[in-house]
Amino acid sequence: MSDLSFRSMCFTYTNHRGVTARRWATPLGLRWGVTDWHPMPGWLLLAFDHDKGAEREFRLEECQFEPTAQVPQ
């Protein structure tokens, strides 16, 4: 298991277009702010999205975390 997958988590996310999908990501940071896609201030999770292969910011209000979610192997 890589270091990234050890700290990774799975969650359900609804993006700014209303599309809901399961995400697998490794958290990198948390901040209060806005983005081009989230113009209202809120908590944003900066994470490495393993499916996209890039860093992304997720608005916490749009995340559904499950404590027993399994990380892909």
Protein backbone atom coordinates (compact mmCIF):
# COMPACT_ATOMS: atom_id res chain seq x y z
CA MET A 1 0.00 0.00 0.00
CA SER A 2 1.41 3.40 -0.93
CA ASP A 3 1.62 6.30 1.52
CA LEU A 4 -1.15 8.08 -0.42
CA SER A 5 -3.61 5.20 -0.20
CA PHE A 6 -2.96 4.83 3.55
CA ARG A 7 -4.38 8.29 4.22
CA SER A 8 -7.00 8.14 1.47
CA MET A 9 -10.75 8.22 1.91
CA CYS A 10 -13.83 7.55 -0.18
CA PHE A 11 -16.85 9.84 -0.17
CA THR A 12 -19.81 10.85 -2.29
CA TYR A 13 -19.53 14.31 -3.84
CA THR A 14 -22.02 16.47 -5.70
CA ASN A 15 -20.20 19.00 -7.90
CA HIS A 16 -21.26 22.51 -8.92
CA ARG A 17 -23.25 21.10 -11.88
CA GLY A 18 -25.24 18.79 -9.62
CA VAL A 19 -23.44 15.61 -10.75
CA THR A 20 -23.00 13.12 -7.91
CA ALA A 21 -20.15 10.59 -7.93
CA ARG A 22 -18.07 8.47 -5.59
CA ARG A 23 -14.60 10.00 -5.06
CA TRP A 24 -11.35 8.49 -3.79
CA ALA A 25 -8.96 11.16 -2.54
CA THR A 26 -6.10 11.88 -0.19
CA PRO A 27 -6.63 15.02 1.93
CA LEU A 28 -3.91 17.68 1.64
CA GLY A 29 -5.45 20.68 3.41
CA LEU A 30 -8.51 22.57 4.48
CA ARG A 31 -9.34 26.25 4.00
CA TRP A 32 -12.20 28.74 4.21
CA GLY A 33 -12.71 30.51 0.90
CA VAL A 34 -14.21 30.64 -2.57
CA THR A 35 -13.32 29.28 -6.00
CA ASP A 36 -14.56 29.91 -9.54
CA TRP A 37 -16.97 26.98 -9.03
CA HIS A 38 -17.91 27.85 -5.42
CA PRO A 39 -18.46 31.64 -5.29
CA MET A 40 -20.03 31.59 -1.79
CA PRO A 41 -17.50 31.29 1.08
CA GLY A 42 -17.27 27.87 2.67
CA TRP A 43 -14.91 25.15 3.87
CA LEU A 44 -12.91 23.64 1.00
CA LEU A 45 -11.02 20.36 1.18
CA LEU A 46 -7.86 20.32 -0.95
CA ALA A 47 -7.15 16.71 -1.89
CA PHE A 48 -5.41 14.55 -4.46
CA ASP A 49 -8.21 12.92 -6.47
CA HIS A 50 -6.94 9.44 -7.42
CA ASP A 51 -9.49 8.94 -10.20
CA LYS A 52 -8.68 12.29 -11.83
CA GLY A 53 -4.95 12.02 -11.10
CA ALA A 54 -4.80 15.64 -9.92
CA GLU A 55 -5.38 17.95 -6.97
CA ARG A 56 -8.97 19.13 -6.57
CA GLU A 57 -10.91 21.22 -4.06
CA PHE A 58 -14.16 19.83 -2.69
CA ARG A 59 -16.69 21.98 -0.87
CA LEU A 60 -17.33 20.14 2.41
CA GLU A 61 -21.05 20.97 2.31
CA GLU A 62 -21.26 18.89 -0.87
CA CYS A 63 -19.43 15.84 0.55
CA GLN A 64 -21.05 12.84 2.19
CA PHE A 65 -18.52 10.94 4.27
CA GLU A 66 -19.09 7.37 5.43
CA PRO A 67 -16.98 6.16 8.34
CA THR A 68 -16.82 2.59 7.05
CA ALA A 69 -16.09 3.38 3.38
CA GLN A 70 -13.38 1.16 1.91
CA VAL A 71 -10.47 2.64 -0.02
CA PRO A 72 -9.85 0.90 -3.39
CA GLN A 73 -6.84 -1.44 -3.35
